[in-house]
Each structure stands twice: as C-alpha cells, then as structure tokens.
Amino acid sequence: MKALVARGDGTLQVDLAEIRDASPNFAEAVVEQRAISLNRGETRALRASRPGTVFGWDVAGIVAQAAADGSGPPAGARVIGVVGGGGWAQRVAVPTRNLAVIPDGLDFALASVLPIAGLTALWTLSVGGRLLGRRVLVTGAAGGVGRLAVQLAHHGGASVAGVVGSPERALGLRELGAEEVFLNNDPDGDRFDLILESVGGASLAASLHCVAEGGTVVLFGNSSDANPTFDVEFYNRSRGAQLFAFNIMYELPRRELAVDLAWLAGQVQAGCLDSQVSLRAGWREAGRALQALTRREVAGKAVLDVD
C-alpha cells in the first residue's frame, strides 16, 4: 500500500511511497483511509524524524476488515478514530475501542478533524467543569482546536474570548461564538474561570496572570517553543487556581472516546458544529499543506483527501 513517509532530512517534506500493508492484531480493524487531518504536533515531530517514518493520528474512512475478535464496527462501516501513529497511509490498523461510526452522508474531510482536534477541544473544556455562565479564554483561537473550542464553549453557555496573533487570524471567530478577540496575549486585565492554553511562553504567563480565583488553566501545547516568565506572587493572588497539564494520548484510554466521537460527528452532521476546514488538498500535495500549516496560513484545519 501507499503512505506518506518522512524524508528524515529535517524538513517537512514527505514522499508517497510503498510500505508494508497494515497488519492488525486480534482487537484491531483495518480502516481504508478517505481523509487525513493534519495536526501541528505531527509537523513538529516530522522535522526530527527518521527516514521512512509514517506519521498520522487521525483516522477517517471505511472498515475494510473487521476485528478478528468480533469487536467494533463491521466491514463497510464509515468510521473515525485515533491511532498512535501511522495514519498517513491507505490502510490503518486501529484498536476497535478507538473507533466510532459516523452518520451516512457526513463528508470524511469534515469528520477527519474530530479525533484529535475535536476531542482535545471537548476534553480540555471538560477539565474546568460546567460551562454555563462562566468566562472562558481560548489562546491560539484561530487554530483547529481553538475554533472548535470556541464553538463548544459558546454552545455550553459560556462567555467566550479568544486570543490570536493577528487581525487576519481573528476573522470568523465572532461568528463562531467569541464575544471578544484579543491580539497577542493582551486580555486587558480581565479574569477568566477557564483558560485553554496552547501557545506557551508569554501567552502562558499571561494566562496565569488572568485566571480567576478557583479557575483553571489547561495547558495542552507550546506552539511558541518558549518558556514562560511570570510573577509568582501575582499568580498566587488567584486563590485556588490550578494549572492542568493535558495530553491527548494520556487521556484516550481514560475517556469514553467512541461515545464522544460519535456525539461530535452528530453535531457536525446536524450543522451545530463547524469543522473549520480551510485548506483541503489531495495527499500528493501534502508538502504544500504542511508548509502552510506551520506558517500559520491555515485558519482552522488542513485536510488531505486520500485518492
């Protein structure tokens, strides 16, 4: 079968090459990929990879071979799911507990963003408890996770604000539910009950300074590759506040993954949740899409169709 394999030369370039076919274990189904959602964490790892490595966490396609133990969806089912790697391939072996069936007619490209970006948005919001009537700040709000989190927080009854790096990146956020949009980590002295933090560096420092008493900062990324410097005494004034380290791979076996994925897919199908796919290309154009993602030229998600 074919797959996108890393060149291993310190760049974001990948080659479409032949690799060994998927070999499932007893509790894995083989899924024929239809769309590949690209994640920023994958691009970071790609630069430091060995030649021939196949990346990819998101799965969106059709079950080509059901699991031998009888678990999971049958052959022919339309599914989305998560793997620890190897998703940038024509066929992927996926643990059946990591799969969810999606509605007929739902575009695979729109569904493909839900396993990593969708679950990250949903689960980071859940760390802070109830959303109704609370103030939520989303840093990196223009990204794939950020745009989904803004929508989910708004639908949950929160008052939502977003932080972006430029006015151009802010386009569309108010329509998704953001009541305020701040530029470059400047929340204007406001206090927030829940802050989703993915930028790191100065952004994390600003988040620690504007979390409310009893509030929570959920750290799930460091796209700036910078370490924060912050006033500890200032942070201590937010009595009862906490900093929560979120890692999607750590959370996967501890959550109702299939249930939550199916719910997210239903929300997209019903038109209640917009996947925010702003770049869509064939997987032979992977290099261009990966470059656009790392250069922050993509507002939302970049998806590759597997032909």
C-alpha atoms as a PDB file:
ATOM      1  CA  MET A   1       0.000   0.000   0.000  1.00  0.00           C
ATOM      2  CA  LYS A   2       0.997   3.632  -0.297  1.00  0.00           C
ATOM      3  CA  ALA A   3       1.763   6.044   2.528  1.00  0.00           C
ATOM      4  CA  LEU A   4       3.272   9.459   3.145  1.00  0.00           C
ATOM      5  CA  VAL A   5       6.740   8.758   4.538  1.00  0.00           C
ATOM      6  CA  ALA A   6       9.164  11.231   6.079  1.00  0.00           C
ATOM      7  CA  ARG A   7      12.363  12.050   4.232  1.00  0.00           C
ATOM      8  CA  GLY A   8      14.135  12.435   7.565  1.00  0.00           C
ATOM      9  CA  ASP A   9      16.173  15.407   6.383  1.00  0.00           C
ATOM     10  CA  GLY A  10      14.953  17.959   8.927  1.00  0.00           C
ATOM     11  CA  THR A  11      12.287  19.346   6.589  1.00  0.00           C
ATOM     12  CA  LEU A  12       8.532  18.939   6.291  1.00  0.00           C
ATOM     13  CA  GLN A  13       8.836  17.062   3.004  1.00  0.00           C
ATOM     14  CA  VAL A  14       7.202  13.654   2.673  1.00  0.00           C
ATOM     15  CA  ASP A  15       7.100  11.177  -0.197  1.00  0.00           C
ATOM     16  CA  LEU A  16       4.235   8.994  -1.373  1.00  0.00           C
ATOM     17  CA  ALA A  17       5.835   5.556  -1.264  1.00  0.00           C
ATOM     18  CA  GLU A  18       5.042   1.864  -0.988  1.00  0.00           C
ATOM     19  CA  ILE A  19       5.152   0.372   2.512  1.00  0.00           C
ATOM     20  CA  ARG A  20       4.124  -2.920   4.084  1.00  0.00           C
ATOM     21  CA  ASP A  21       0.366  -3.403   4.327  1.00  0.00           C
ATOM     22  CA  ALA A  22      -1.477  -2.946   7.621  1.00  0.00           C
ATOM     23  CA  SER A  23      -1.235  -5.982   9.896  1.00  0.00           C
ATOM     24  CA  PRO A  24      -3.968  -5.889  12.586  1.00  0.00           C
ATOM     25  CA  ASN A  25      -3.902  -7.699  15.879  1.00  0.00           C
ATOM     26  CA  PHE A  26      -6.885  -9.612  17.320  1.00  0.00           C
ATOM     27  CA  ALA A  27      -8.751  -6.480  18.518  1.00  0.00           C
ATOM     28  CA  GLU A  28      -7.956  -4.143  15.613  1.00  0.00           C
ATOM     29  CA  ALA A  29      -9.931  -3.300  12.485  1.00  0.00           C
ATOM     30  CA  VAL A  30      -8.315  -2.258   9.218  1.00  0.00           C
ATOM     31  CA  VAL A  31      -9.635   1.098   8.020  1.00  0.00           C
ATOM     32  CA  GLU A  32      -9.203   2.308   4.454  1.00  0.00           C
ATOM     33  CA  GLN A  33      -8.422   5.988   4.797  1.00  0.00           C
ATOM     34  CA  ARG A  34     -10.500   8.585   2.956  1.00  0.00           C
ATOM     35  CA  ALA A  35      -9.196  11.808   4.533  1.00  0.00           C
ATOM     36  CA  ILE A  36      -6.172  12.805   6.614  1.00  0.00           C
ATOM     37  CA  SER A  37      -6.373  15.686   9.085  1.00  0.00           C
ATOM     38  CA  LEU A  38      -3.016  17.343   9.712  1.00  0.00           C
ATOM     39  CA  ASN A  39      -2.073  18.335  13.251  1.00  0.00           C
ATOM     40  CA  ARG A  40       0.588  20.798  14.359  1.00  0.00           C
ATOM     41  CA  GLY A  41       2.073  18.237  16.749  1.00  0.00           C
ATOM     42  CA  GLU A  42       2.707  15.925  13.802  1.00  0.00           C
ATOM     43  CA  THR A  43       4.593  18.624  11.917  1.00  0.00           C
ATOM     44  CA  ARG A  44       6.819  19.269  14.938  1.00  0.00           C
ATOM     45  CA  ALA A  45       7.743  15.578  15.148  1.00  0.00           C
ATOM     46  CA  LEU A  46       8.212  15.326  11.372  1.00  0.00           C
ATOM     47  CA  ARG A  47      11.202  17.680  11.380  1.00  0.00           C
ATOM     48  CA  ALA A  48      13.104  15.406  13.770  1.00  0.00           C
ATOM     49  CA  SER A  49      12.015  12.094  12.268  1.00  0.00           C
ATOM     50  CA  ARG A  50      13.948   9.220  10.791  1.00  0.00           C
ATOM     51  CA  PRO A  51      13.662   8.455   7.053  1.00  0.00           C
ATOM     52  CA  GLY A  52      10.654   6.286   6.244  1.00  0.00           C
ATOM     53  CA  THR A  53       8.606   7.178   9.345  1.00  0.00           C
ATOM     54  CA  VAL A  54       4.844   7.310   8.782  1.00  0.00           C
ATOM     55  CA  PHE A  55       3.078   9.841  10.984  1.00  0.00           C
ATOM     56  CA  GLY A  56      -0.616  10.475  11.488  1.00  0.00           C
ATOM     57  CA  TRP A  57      -3.023  10.206  14.425  1.00  0.00           C
ATOM     58  CA  ASP A  58      -6.434  10.793  12.830  1.00  0.00           C
ATOM     59  CA  VAL A  59      -8.372   8.085  11.019  1.00  0.00           C
ATOM     60  CA  ALA A  60     -11.393   8.698   8.773  1.00  0.00           C
ATOM     61  CA  GLY A  61     -12.556   6.076   6.320  1.00  0.00           C
ATOM     62  CA  ILE A  62     -14.276   2.740   5.747  1.00  0.00           C
ATOM     63  CA  VAL A  63     -13.680  -0.503   7.632  1.00  0.00           C
ATOM     64  CA  ALA A  64     -12.030  -2.817   5.111  1.00  0.00           C
ATOM     65  CA  GLN A  65     -11.539  -5.676   7.573  1.00  0.00           C
ATOM     66  CA  ALA A  66     -13.402  -6.101  10.851  1.00  0.00           C
ATOM     67  CA  ALA A  67     -11.528  -7.111  14.002  1.00  0.00           C
ATOM     68  CA  ALA A  68     -10.918 -10.843  14.399  1.00  0.00           C
ATOM     69  CA  ASP A  69     -12.345 -10.852  17.939  1.00  0.00           C
ATOM     70  CA  GLY A  70     -15.730  -9.612  16.705  1.00  0.00           C
ATOM     71  CA  SER A  71     -15.461  -6.260  18.473  1.00  0.00           C
ATOM     72  CA  GLY A  72     -16.037  -2.903  16.836  1.00  0.00           C
ATOM     73  CA  PRO A  73     -17.757  -1.884  13.613  1.00  0.00           C
ATOM     74  CA  PRO A  74     -18.340  -4.369  10.772  1.00  0.00           C
ATOM     75  CA  ALA A  75     -16.716  -4.256   7.350  1.00  0.00           C
ATOM     76  CA  GLY A  76     -18.137  -1.414   5.276  1.00  0.00           C
ATOM     77  CA  ALA A  77     -18.860   0.865   8.242  1.00  0.00           C
ATOM     78  CA  ARG A  78     -17.963   4.547   7.922  1.00  0.00           C
ATOM     79  CA  VAL A  79     -15.740   5.414  10.900  1.00  0.00           C
ATOM     80  CA  ILE A  80     -13.390   7.893  12.508  1.00  0.00           C
ATOM     81  CA  GLY A  81     -10.786   7.103  15.133  1.00  0.00           C
ATOM     82  CA  VAL A  82      -7.351   7.598  16.644  1.00  0.00           C
ATOM     83  CA  VAL A  83      -4.026   5.781  16.358  1.00  0.00           C
ATOM     84  CA  GLY A  84      -0.670   6.483  17.970  1.00  0.00           C
ATOM     85  CA  GLY A  85       0.985   6.820  14.549  1.00  0.00           C
ATOM     86  CA  GLY A  86       0.898   5.502  11.005  1.00  0.00           C
ATOM     87  CA  GLY A  87      -2.315   7.252   9.963  1.00  0.00           C
ATOM     88  CA  TRP A  88      -0.867   8.824   6.809  1.00  0.00           C
ATOM     89  CA  ALA A  89      -1.448   5.616   4.866  1.00  0.00           C
ATOM     90  CA  GLN A  90      -4.043   3.977   2.636  1.00  0.00           C
ATOM     91  CA  ARG A  91      -4.953   1.386   5.266  1.00  0.00           C
ATOM     92  CA  VAL A  92      -4.521   1.637   9.026  1.00  0.00           C
ATOM     93  CA  ALA A  93      -4.937  -0.948  11.793  1.00  0.00           C
ATOM     94  CA  VAL A  94      -6.982   0.693  14.574  1.00  0.00           C
ATOM     95  CA  PRO A  95      -7.954  -0.651  18.030  1.00  0.00           C
ATOM     96  CA  THR A  96     -11.721  -1.051  17.913  1.00  0.00           C
ATOM     97  CA  ARG A  97     -12.183   0.859  21.178  1.00  0.00           C
ATOM     98  CA  ASN A  98     -10.695   3.865  19.357  1.00  0.00           C
ATOM     99  CA  LEU A  99     -13.318   3.841  16.579  1.00  0.00           C
ATOM    100  CA  ALA A 100     -16.733   5.455  16.233  1.00  0.00           C
ATOM    101  CA  VAL A 101     -19.278   5.060  13.441  1.00  0.00           C
ATOM    102  CA  ILE A 102     -20.253   8.318  11.723  1.00  0.00           C
ATOM    103  CA  PRO A 103     -23.528   9.252  10.006  1.00  0.00           C
ATOM    104  CA  ASP A 104     -24.112   8.405   6.359  1.00  0.00           C
ATOM    105  CA  GLY A 105     -23.510  11.426   4.179  1.00  0.00           C
ATOM    106  CA  LEU A 106     -21.068  13.144   6.534  1.00  0.00           C
ATOM    107  CA  ASP A 107     -18.064  14.264   4.485  1.00  0.00           C
ATOM    108  CA  PHE A 108     -14.976  12.330   5.567  1.00  0.00           C
ATOM    109  CA  ALA A 109     -12.882  15.509   5.373  1.00  0.00           C
ATOM    110  CA  LEU A 110     -15.154  17.271   7.860  1.00  0.00           C
ATOM    111  CA  ALA A 111     -15.216  14.238  10.148  1.00  0.00           C
ATOM    112  CA  SER A 112     -11.456  13.666   9.983  1.00  0.00           C
ATOM    113  CA  VAL A 113     -10.664  16.650  12.242  1.00  0.00           C
ATOM    114  CA  LEU A 114     -12.710  15.298  15.143  1.00  0.00           C
ATOM    115  CA  PRO A 115     -10.489  12.556  16.638  1.00  0.00           C
ATOM    116  CA  ILE A 116      -7.540  14.727  17.717  1.00  0.00           C
ATOM    117  CA  ALA A 117      -8.687  18.349  17.388  1.00  0.00           C
ATOM    118  CA  GLY A 118     -12.310  17.688  18.306  1.00  0.00           C
ATOM    119  CA  LEU A 119     -11.607  15.512  21.325  1.00  0.00           C
ATOM    120  CA  THR A 120      -8.904  17.904  22.519  1.00  0.00           C
ATOM    121  CA  ALA A 121     -11.346  20.816  22.370  1.00  0.00           C
ATOM    122  CA  LEU A 122     -14.118  18.851  24.081  1.00  0.00           C
ATOM    123  CA  TRP A 123     -11.983  17.294  26.795  1.00  0.00           C
ATOM    124  CA  THR A 124      -9.940  20.383  27.681  1.00  0.00           C
ATOM    125  CA  LEU A 125     -13.200  22.267  28.191  1.00  0.00           C
ATOM    126  CA  SER A 126     -14.442  19.475  30.466  1.00  0.00           C
ATOM    127  CA  VAL A 127     -11.455  19.906  32.819  1.00  0.00           C
ATOM    128  CA  GLY A 128     -12.943  23.125  34.183  1.00  0.00           C
ATOM    129  CA  GLY A 129     -16.348  21.630  34.984  1.00  0.00           C
ATOM    130  CA  ARG A 130     -19.604  23.326  33.977  1.00  0.00           C
ATOM    131  CA  LEU A 131     -19.521  25.998  31.279  1.00  0.00           C
ATOM    132  CA  LEU A 132     -22.873  27.691  31.758  1.00  0.00           C
ATOM    133  CA  GLY A 133     -22.389  31.298  32.851  1.00  0.00           C
ATOM    134  CA  ARG A 134     -18.599  31.034  33.102  1.00  0.00           C
ATOM    135  CA  ARG A 135     -15.903  33.038  31.333  1.00  0.00           C
ATOM    136  CA  VAL A 136     -13.662  31.021  29.006  1.00  0.00           C
ATOM    137  CA  LEU A 137     -10.499  32.222  27.236  1.00  0.00           C
ATOM    138  CA  VAL A 138      -9.037  30.278  24.316  1.00  0.00           C
ATOM    139  CA  THR A 139      -5.473  31.115  23.256  1.00  0.00           C
ATOM    140  CA  GLY A 140      -4.441  30.100  19.752  1.00  0.00           C
ATOM    141  CA  ALA A 141      -8.112  30.562  18.966  1.00  0.00           C
ATOM    142  CA  ALA A 142      -7.527  30.717  15.205  1.00  0.00           C
ATOM    143  CA  GLY A 143      -6.184  27.159  15.056  1.00  0.00           C
ATOM    144  CA  GLY A 144      -8.039  23.910  14.546  1.00  0.00           C
ATOM    145  CA  VAL A 145      -8.559  23.109  18.227  1.00  0.00           C
ATOM    146  CA  GLY A 146      -9.178  26.758  19.068  1.00  0.00           C
ATOM    147  CA  ARG A 147     -12.009  27.254  16.595  1.00  0.00           C
ATOM    148  CA  LEU A 148     -13.734  24.074  17.734  1.00  0.00           C
ATOM    149  CA  ALA A 149     -13.281  25.018  21.406  1.00  0.00           C
ATOM    150  CA  VAL A 150     -14.798  28.478  20.839  1.00  0.00           C
ATOM    151  CA  GLN A 151     -17.903  26.873  19.347  1.00  0.00           C
ATOM    152  CA  LEU A 152     -18.268  24.183  22.011  1.00  0.00           C
ATOM    153  CA  ALA A 153     -17.783  26.639  24.872  1.00  0.00           C
ATOM    154  CA  HIS A 154     -20.321  29.027  23.346  1.00  0.00           C
ATOM    155  CA  HIS A 155     -22.874  26.234  22.889  1.00  0.00           C
ATOM    156  CA  GLY A 156     -22.242  25.227  26.509  1.00  0.00           C
ATOM    157  CA  GLY A 157     -23.400  28.644  27.706  1.00  0.00           C
ATOM    158  CA  ALA A 158     -20.008  30.221  28.420  1.00  0.00           C
ATOM    159  CA  SER A 159     -18.933  33.766  27.674  1.00  0.00           C
ATOM    160  CA  VAL A 160     -16.040  33.126  25.291  1.00  0.00           C
ATOM    161  CA  ALA A 161     -12.987  35.195  24.389  1.00  0.00           C
ATOM    162  CA  GLY A 162     -10.154  34.276  22.041  1.00  0.00           C
ATOM    163  CA  VAL A 163      -6.518  35.304  21.625  1.00  0.00           C
ATOM    164  CA  VAL A 164      -4.951  35.450  18.140  1.00  0.00           C
ATOM    165  CA  GLY A 165      -1.657  36.621  16.688  1.00  0.00           C
ATOM    166  CA  SER A 166      -3.002  38.988  14.028  1.00  0.00           C
ATOM    167  CA  PRO A 167      -6.257  40.651  12.952  1.00  0.00           C
ATOM    168  CA  GLU A 168      -6.372  38.374   9.907  1.00  0.00           C
ATOM    169  CA  ARG A 169      -6.338  35.285  12.116  1.00  0.00           C
ATOM    170  CA  ALA A 170      -9.344  36.630  14.020  1.00  0.00           C
ATOM    171  CA  LEU A 171     -11.645  36.503  11.006  1.00  0.00           C
ATOM    172  CA  GLY A 172     -14.734  34.387  11.645  1.00  0.00           C
ATOM    173  CA  LEU A 173     -14.214  33.902  15.388  1.00  0.00           C
ATOM    174  CA  ARG A 174     -17.065  36.178  16.446  1.00  0.00           C
ATOM    175  CA  GLU A 175     -19.422  34.295  14.134  1.00  0.00           C
ATOM    176  CA  LEU A 176     -18.371  31.074  15.878  1.00  0.00           C
ATOM    177  CA  GLY A 177     -19.279  32.470  19.298  1.00  0.00           C
ATOM    178  CA  ALA A 178     -16.344  34.553  20.537  1.00  0.00           C
ATOM    179  CA  GLU A 179     -17.668  37.687  22.237  1.00  0.00           C
ATOM    180  CA  GLU A 180     -14.179  39.216  22.459  1.00  0.00           C
ATOM    181  CA  VAL A 181     -10.974  38.716  20.481  1.00  0.00           C
ATOM    182  CA  PHE A 182      -7.627  39.867  21.868  1.00  0.00           C
ATOM    183  CA  LEU A 183      -4.366  40.297  19.994  1.00  0.00           C
ATOM    184  CA  ASN A 184      -1.033  38.975  21.230  1.00  0.00           C
ATOM    185  CA  ASN A 185      -1.783  37.849  24.778  1.00  0.00           C
ATOM    186  CA  ASP A 186      -3.470  41.041  25.937  1.00  0.00           C
ATOM    187  CA  PRO A 187      -6.631  40.082  27.861  1.00  0.00           C
ATOM    188  CA  ASP A 188      -6.906  43.633  29.210  1.00  0.00           C
ATOM    189  CA  GLY A 189      -6.726  42.711  32.896  1.00  0.00           C
ATOM    190  CA  ASP A 190      -9.842  40.511  32.678  1.00  0.00           C
ATOM    191  CA  ARG A 191     -10.236  37.350  34.730  1.00  0.00           C
ATOM    192  CA  PHE A 192     -11.373  34.020  33.334  1.00  0.00           C
ATOM    193  CA  ASP A 193     -12.714  30.880  35.000  1.00  0.00           C
ATOM    194  CA  LEU A 194     -11.222  28.549  32.396  1.00  0.00           C
ATOM    195  CA  ILE A 195      -8.316  29.196  30.036  1.00  0.00           C
ATOM    196  CA  LEU A 196      -7.311  26.798  27.250  1.00  0.00           C
ATOM    197  CA  GLU A 197      -3.616  27.455  26.656  1.00  0.00           C
ATOM    198  CA  SER A 198      -1.734  26.074  23.646  1.00  0.00           C
ATOM    199  CA  VAL A 199       0.837  28.766  22.811  1.00  0.00           C
ATOM    200  CA  GLY A 200       3.211  28.691  25.789  1.00  0.00           C
ATOM    201  CA  GLY A 201       5.867  31.308  26.537  1.00  0.00           C
ATOM    202  CA  ALA A 202       4.455  34.801  27.067  1.00  0.00           C
ATOM    203  CA  SER A 203       0.961  33.509  26.356  1.00  0.00           C
ATOM    204  CA  LEU A 204       1.139  31.028  29.236  1.00  0.00           C
ATOM    205  CA  ALA A 205       2.471  33.749  31.535  1.00  0.00           C
ATOM    206  CA  ALA A 206      -0.440  35.995  30.581  1.00  0.00           C
ATOM    207  CA  SER A 207      -2.879  33.137  31.183  1.00  0.00           C
ATOM    208  CA  LEU A 208      -1.506  32.536  34.677  1.00  0.00           C
ATOM    209  CA  HIS A 209      -1.941  36.231  35.412  1.00  0.00           C
ATOM    210  CA  CYS A 210      -5.582  36.405  34.322  1.00  0.00           C
ATOM    211  CA  VAL A 211      -7.039  33.183  35.716  1.00  0.00           C
ATOM    212  CA  ALA A 212      -9.810  33.830  38.232  1.00  0.00           C
ATOM    213  CA  GLU A 213      -9.896  32.574  41.810  1.00  0.00           C
ATOM    214  CA  GLY A 214     -10.696  28.874  41.739  1.00  0.00           C
ATOM    215  CA  GLY A 215     -10.168  28.875  37.978  1.00  0.00           C
ATOM    216  CA  THR A 216      -8.196  26.517  35.766  1.00  0.00           C
ATOM    217  CA  VAL A 217      -5.553  26.961  33.076  1.00  0.00           C
ATOM    218  CA  VAL A 218      -5.424  23.888  30.845  1.00  0.00           C
ATOM    219  CA  LEU A 219      -2.057  23.615  29.109  1.00  0.00           C
ATOM    220  CA  PHE A 220      -2.193  21.406  26.006  1.00  0.00           C
ATOM    221  CA  GLY A 221       0.514  22.821  23.742  1.00  0.00           C
ATOM    222  CA  ASN A 222       3.531  25.070  23.312  1.00  0.00           C
ATOM    223  CA  SER A 223       3.422  26.271  19.716  1.00  0.00           C
ATOM    224  CA  SER A 224       5.784  29.169  20.523  1.00  0.00           C
ATOM    225  CA  ASP A 225       8.541  26.782  21.699  1.00  0.00           C
ATOM    226  CA  ALA A 226       9.213  29.284  24.504  1.00  0.00           C
ATOM    227  CA  ASN A 227       9.347  29.041  28.279  1.00  0.00           C
ATOM    228  CA  PRO A 228       7.256  31.475  30.336  1.00  0.00           C
ATOM    229  CA  THR A 229       8.448  34.044  32.846  1.00  0.00           C
ATOM    230  CA  PHE A 230       5.699  35.081  35.217  1.00  0.00           C
ATOM    231  CA  ASP A 231       5.131  36.812  38.540  1.00  0.00           C
ATOM    232  CA  VAL A 232       4.552  34.029  41.071  1.00  0.00           C
ATOM    233  CA  GLU A 233       3.125  36.404  43.680  1.00  0.00           C
ATOM    234  CA  PHE A 234       0.651  37.774  41.142  1.00  0.00           C
ATOM    235  CA  TYR A 235      -0.440  34.224  40.257  1.00  0.00           C
ATOM    236  CA  ASN A 236      -0.830  33.352  43.933  1.00  0.00           C
ATOM    237  CA  ARG A 237      -3.480  36.054  44.273  1.00  0.00           C
ATOM    238  CA  SER A 238      -5.746  33.812  42.194  1.00  0.00           C
ATOM    239  CA  ARG A 239      -6.505  31.688  45.224  1.00  0.00           C
ATOM    240  CA  GLY A 240      -7.438  28.113  44.417  1.00  0.00           C
ATOM    241  CA  ALA A 241      -6.427  28.416  40.743  1.00  0.00           C
ATOM    242  CA  GLN A 242      -4.754  25.419  39.124  1.00  0.00           C
ATOM    243  CA  LEU A 243      -2.609  24.632  36.101  1.00  0.00           C
ATOM    244  CA  PHE A 244      -3.626  21.350  34.433  1.00  0.00           C
ATOM    245  CA  ALA A 245      -1.263  19.522  32.044  1.00  0.00           C
ATOM    246  CA  PHE A 246      -3.396  17.940  29.307  1.00  0.00           C
ATOM    247  CA  ASN A 247      -2.055  15.266  26.945  1.00  0.00           C
ATOM    248  CA  ILE A 248      -4.473  13.746  24.442  1.00  0.00           C
ATOM    249  CA  MET A 249      -2.676  10.388  24.249  1.00  0.00           C
ATOM    250  CA  TYR A 250      -2.741  10.072  28.041  1.00  0.00           C
ATOM    251  CA  GLU A 251      -6.473  10.815  28.071  1.00  0.00           C
ATOM    252  CA  LEU A 252      -7.545   8.416  25.307  1.00  0.00           C
ATOM    253  CA  PRO A 253      -7.807   5.221  27.427  1.00  0.00           C
ATOM    254  CA  ARG A 254      -9.372   7.145  30.323  1.00  0.00           C
ATOM    255  CA  ARG A 255     -12.323   8.624  28.450  1.00  0.00           C
ATOM    256  CA  GLU A 256     -15.455   7.475  26.605  1.00  0.00           C
ATOM    257  CA  LEU A 257     -13.713   8.007  23.280  1.00  0.00           C
ATOM    258  CA  ALA A 258     -16.210   6.305  20.964  1.00  0.00           C
ATOM    259  CA  VAL A 259     -19.203   7.949  22.638  1.00  0.00           C
ATOM    260  CA  ASP A 260     -17.678  11.417  22.447  1.00  0.00           C
ATOM    261  CA  LEU A 261     -16.513  10.967  18.845  1.00  0.00           C
ATOM    262  CA  ALA A 262     -19.980   9.844  17.761  1.00  0.00           C
ATOM    263  CA  TRP A 263     -21.512  12.869  19.510  1.00  0.00           C
ATOM    264  CA  LEU A 264     -19.099  15.268  17.805  1.00  0.00           C
ATOM    265  CA  ALA A 265     -19.816  13.695  14.417  1.00  0.00           C
ATOM    266  CA  GLY A 266     -23.547  14.076  15.043  1.00  0.00           C
ATOM    267  CA  GLN A 267     -23.057  17.752  15.868  1.00  0.00           C
ATOM    268  CA  VAL A 268     -21.222  18.323  12.583  1.00  0.00           C
ATOM    269  CA  GLN A 269     -23.850  16.399  10.619  1.00  0.00           C
ATOM    270  CA  ALA A 270     -26.627  18.457  12.238  1.00  0.00           C
ATOM    271  CA  GLY A 271     -24.878  21.736  11.391  1.00  0.00           C
ATOM    272  CA  CYS A 272     -24.330  22.621  15.064  1.00  0.00           C
ATOM    273  CA  LEU A 273     -20.542  22.360  14.850  1.00  0.00           C
ATOM    274  CA  ASP A 274     -18.378  23.660  12.006  1.00  0.00           C
ATOM    275  CA  SER A 275     -15.200  21.622  11.401  1.00  0.00           C
ATOM    276  CA  GLN A 276     -13.458  24.751  10.074  1.00  0.00           C
ATOM    277  CA  VAL A 277     -11.576  23.010   7.275  1.00  0.00           C
ATOM    278  CA  SER A 278      -9.998  25.921   5.432  1.00  0.00           C
ATOM    279  CA  LEU A 279      -7.388  24.036   3.394  1.00  0.00           C
ATOM    280  CA  ARG A 280      -8.285  20.873   1.502  1.00  0.00           C
ATOM    281  CA  ALA A 281      -5.974  19.169  -0.977  1.00  0.00           C
ATOM    282  CA  GLY A 282      -5.038  15.767  -2.357  1.00  0.00           C
ATOM    283  CA  TRP A 283      -2.481  13.822  -0.367  1.00  0.00           C
ATOM    284  CA  ARG A 284       0.017  14.207  -3.199  1.00  0.00           C
ATOM    285  CA  GLU A 285       0.076  17.886  -2.167  1.00  0.00           C
ATOM    286  CA  ALA A 286       0.991  17.081   1.435  1.00  0.00           C
ATOM    287  CA  GLY A 287       4.198  19.125   1.401  1.00  0.00           C
ATOM    288  CA  ARG A 288       2.384  22.314   0.454  1.00  0.00           C
ATOM    289  CA  ALA A 289      -0.285  21.749   3.085  1.00  0.00           C
ATOM    290  CA  LEU A 290       2.257  21.030   5.825  1.00  0.00           C
ATOM    291  CA  GLN A 291       4.186  24.186   4.993  1.00  0.00           C
ATOM    292  CA  ALA A 292       1.005  26.288   5.056  1.00  0.00           C
ATOM    293  CA  LEU A 293       0.067  24.844   8.449  1.00  0.00           C
ATOM    294  CA  THR A 294       3.430  25.604  10.060  1.00  0.00           C
ATOM    295  CA  ARG A 295       3.494  29.110   8.583  1.00  0.00           C
ATOM    296  CA  ARG A 296       0.096  29.819  10.200  1.00  0.00           C
ATOM    297  CA  GLU A 297      -1.506  30.331   6.819  1.00  0.00           C
ATOM    298  CA  VAL A 298      -4.347  27.978   7.762  1.00  0.00           C
ATOM    299  CA  ALA A 299      -7.206  29.366   9.847  1.00  0.00           C
ATOM    300  CA  GLY A 300      -8.663  26.169  11.248  1.00  0.00           C
ATOM    301  CA  LYS A 301      -7.750  22.761   9.850  1.00  0.00           C
ATOM    302  CA  ALA A 302      -5.866  21.404   6.846  1.00  0.00           C
ATOM    303  CA  VAL A 303      -7.125  18.106   5.408  1.00  0.00           C
ATOM    304  CA  LEU A 304      -5.762  15.807   2.689  1.00  0.00           C
ATOM    305  CA  ASP A 305      -8.078  13.643   0.591  1.00  0.00           C
ATOM    306  CA  VAL A 306      -6.736  10.127   0.051  1.00  0.00           C
ATOM    307  CA  ASP A 307      -7.484   9.111  -3.532  1.00  0.00           C
END
